[in-house]
Amino acid sequence: MSFVELKKVKSCSKQREKFISEDDRLFSMYMMELYGDDHKAMSRDPKNVYQLTPTQIRRLIERFRASSYFEDYLVQKNNNSLRVLELYDA
């Protein structure tokens, strides 16, 4: 294979979804349910045990929104079957 063909193959390959842990997903859902898009308030929440800054929280939520789990979150939220506040307090 030539160099050009290798570049084409590489550009066509699928990009992997970035990993987001279950704890980070739960944290993101909890914060979005309570505060919406207020990242400063999220950073002051007592559940923010790692003392993430507003920017770090914003990036974490962006990564969650880009994941396939965000669609599941929206479906559960629309069906009123989302119990993230109860799960997170457990």
Protein backbone atom coordinates (compact mmCIF):
# COMPACT_ATOMS: atom_id res chain seq x y z
CA MET A 1 0.00 0.00 0.00
CA SER A 2 1.14 3.47 -0.74
CA PHE A 3 1.34 6.26 1.77
CA VAL A 4 -1.75 7.97 0.32
CA GLU A 5 -3.80 4.77 0.61
CA LEU A 6 -2.73 4.34 4.22
CA LYS A 7 -3.81 7.89 5.00
CA LYS A 8 -7.22 7.21 3.45
CA VAL A 9 -7.67 4.05 5.51
CA LYS A 10 -6.70 5.86 8.68
CA SER A 11 -9.06 8.76 8.02
CA CYS A 12 -11.96 6.36 7.41
CA SER A 13 -11.47 4.45 10.65
CA LYS A 14 -14.00 4.98 13.40
CA GLN A 15 -13.10 7.09 16.36
CA ARG A 16 -13.62 5.43 19.70
CA GLU A 17 -16.00 6.99 22.14
CA LYS A 18 -14.19 8.57 25.06
CA PHE A 19 -14.56 6.58 28.26
CA ILE A 20 -16.65 8.05 31.05
CA SER A 21 -16.94 6.14 34.30
CA GLU A 22 -20.24 5.29 35.95
CA ASP A 23 -19.43 7.62 38.84
CA ASP A 24 -18.76 10.50 36.46
CA ARG A 25 -22.00 9.80 34.58
CA LEU A 26 -23.98 9.74 37.82
CA PHE A 27 -22.25 12.91 39.04
CA SER A 28 -23.00 14.66 35.74
CA MET A 29 -26.66 13.64 35.78
CA TYR A 30 -27.02 14.70 39.42
CA MET A 31 -25.49 18.11 38.81
CA MET A 32 -27.50 18.75 35.63
CA GLU A 33 -30.73 17.82 37.44
CA LEU A 34 -30.04 20.20 40.33
CA TYR A 35 -28.29 23.13 38.67
CA GLY A 36 -28.88 22.94 34.92
CA ASP A 37 -25.93 24.81 33.38
CA ASP A 38 -24.77 26.73 36.48
CA HIS A 39 -21.24 25.35 36.76
CA LYS A 40 -20.26 27.72 39.58
CA ALA A 41 -23.07 26.40 41.76
CA MET A 42 -22.06 22.85 40.86
CA SER A 43 -18.51 23.51 42.06
CA ARG A 44 -19.83 24.62 45.46
CA ASP A 45 -22.12 21.61 45.94
CA PRO A 46 -21.21 19.32 48.88
CA LYS A 47 -21.35 16.30 46.54
CA ASN A 48 -18.37 17.74 44.64
CA VAL A 49 -15.96 15.80 46.85
CA TYR A 50 -13.06 16.08 44.40
CA GLN A 51 -13.43 19.89 44.47
CA LEU A 52 -13.64 20.20 40.71
CA THR A 53 -13.53 23.72 39.33
CA PRO A 54 -16.41 25.06 37.22
CA THR A 55 -14.30 24.52 34.09
CA GLN A 56 -13.50 20.92 35.01
CA ILE A 57 -17.19 20.25 35.67
CA ARG A 58 -18.15 21.86 32.35
CA ARG A 59 -15.68 19.60 30.50
CA LEU A 60 -16.93 16.52 32.35
CA ILE A 61 -20.53 17.33 31.42
CA GLU A 62 -19.50 18.00 27.80
CA ARG A 63 -17.87 14.56 27.71
CA PHE A 64 -21.05 13.04 29.17
CA ARG A 65 -23.22 14.83 26.60
CA ALA A 66 -21.02 13.51 23.79
CA SER A 67 -21.37 9.92 25.04
CA SER A 68 -24.07 7.43 24.11
CA TYR A 69 -25.24 7.46 27.73
CA PHE A 70 -26.64 10.97 27.32
CA GLU A 71 -29.36 9.68 24.97
CA ASP A 72 -30.40 7.13 27.60
CA TYR A 73 -30.46 9.91 30.18
CA LEU A 74 -32.78 12.02 28.01
CA VAL A 75 -35.14 9.10 27.37
CA GLN A 76 -35.35 8.32 31.08
CA LYS A 77 -35.87 11.98 31.91
CA ASN A 78 -38.68 12.33 29.36
CA ASN A 79 -40.38 9.16 30.66
CA ASN A 80 -40.12 10.40 34.26
CA SER A 81 -38.26 7.20 35.14
CA LEU A 82 -35.03 8.98 36.07
CA ARG A 83 -34.24 8.65 39.77
CA VAL A 84 -30.71 10.04 39.80
CA LEU A 85 -31.17 12.08 42.97
CA GLU A 86 -32.26 9.00 44.89
CA LEU A 87 -29.47 6.89 43.39
CA TYR A 88 -26.79 9.45 44.15
CA ASP A 89 -27.86 9.83 47.78
CA ALA A 90 -27.78 6.07 48.35
